[in-house]
């Protein structure tokens, strides 16, 4: 639909990649917090990717700890 998104590519050892992906997908899919960006979707074609709302406010950590961008 033309909106900007943030995409996270999960890079882990082959034996851990699927487990890590499913863990993060489950966690991100259930988190509801005003300072955490919503999970929009995922892709499992070749690599594993998670798509989140894009924000110019910085990382999730910076937002949770009210750290300003410098």
Protein backbone atom coordinates (compact mmCIF):
# COMPACT_ATOMS: atom_id res chain seq x y z
CA UNK A 1 0.00 0.00 0.00
CA UNK A 2 3.06 2.29 -0.25
CA UNK A 3 3.85 2.72 3.45
CA UNK A 4 7.39 2.43 4.74
CA UNK A 5 8.21 -0.66 6.79
CA UNK A 6 11.17 -1.94 8.76
CA UNK A 7 12.30 -5.44 7.80
CA UNK A 8 14.33 -7.65 10.09
CA UNK A 9 16.20 -10.54 8.51
CA UNK A 10 16.95 -13.29 10.97
CA UNK A 11 20.48 -14.53 10.60
CA UNK A 12 21.38 -17.51 12.75
CA UNK A 13 22.96 -20.90 12.32
CA UNK A 14 20.78 -23.11 10.13
CA UNK A 15 19.78 -25.38 13.02
CA UNK A 16 18.73 -22.42 15.21
CA UNK A 17 17.22 -20.16 12.54
CA UNK A 18 13.77 -21.74 12.40
CA UNK A 19 13.45 -21.96 16.20
CA UNK A 20 14.56 -18.33 16.65
CA UNK A 21 12.20 -17.18 13.90
CA UNK A 22 9.18 -18.93 15.41
CA UNK A 23 10.04 -17.62 18.89
CA UNK A 24 10.38 -14.04 17.69
CA UNK A 25 7.28 -14.31 15.51
CA UNK A 26 5.24 -15.54 18.47
CA UNK A 27 6.54 -12.81 20.75
CA UNK A 28 6.24 -9.94 18.26
CA UNK A 29 2.79 -11.07 17.22
CA UNK A 30 1.44 -10.78 20.75
CA UNK A 31 3.13 -7.62 22.05
CA UNK A 32 0.82 -4.64 22.46
CA UNK A 33 2.55 -1.53 23.78
CA UNK A 34 2.38 2.10 22.60
CA UNK A 35 6.18 2.28 22.28
CA UNK A 36 6.61 -1.00 20.39
CA UNK A 37 5.96 -1.17 16.67
CA UNK A 38 3.37 -3.62 15.39
CA UNK A 39 4.32 -6.71 13.45
CA UNK A 40 2.80 -6.38 9.98
CA UNK A 41 3.81 -9.73 8.55
CA UNK A 42 6.51 -12.24 7.82
CA UNK A 43 8.16 -13.92 4.86
CA UNK A 44 9.71 -17.38 4.73
CA UNK A 45 10.89 -17.33 1.11
CA UNK A 46 14.62 -18.29 1.06
CA UNK A 47 15.47 -16.28 4.20
CA UNK A 48 13.30 -15.49 7.21
CA UNK A 49 12.03 -11.91 7.51
CA UNK A 50 9.74 -10.00 9.86
CA UNK A 51 8.07 -6.76 8.71
CA UNK A 52 7.26 -4.07 11.28
CA UNK A 53 5.77 -0.59 11.21
CA UNK A 54 8.52 1.90 10.36
CA UNK A 55 9.33 4.67 12.81
CA UNK A 56 11.72 7.57 12.66
CA UNK A 57 11.83 7.50 16.48
CA UNK A 58 14.67 4.95 16.57
CA UNK A 59 14.95 1.42 17.88
CA UNK A 60 12.51 -0.39 20.13
CA UNK A 61 15.06 -0.20 22.95
CA UNK A 62 15.45 3.57 22.54
CA UNK A 63 11.67 4.04 22.60
CA UNK A 64 11.14 1.85 25.66
CA UNK A 65 13.82 3.72 27.59
CA UNK A 66 12.85 7.16 26.26
CA UNK A 67 16.28 7.70 24.73
CA UNK A 68 16.32 10.60 22.31
CA UNK A 69 17.92 10.41 18.89
CA UNK A 70 21.19 12.31 18.76
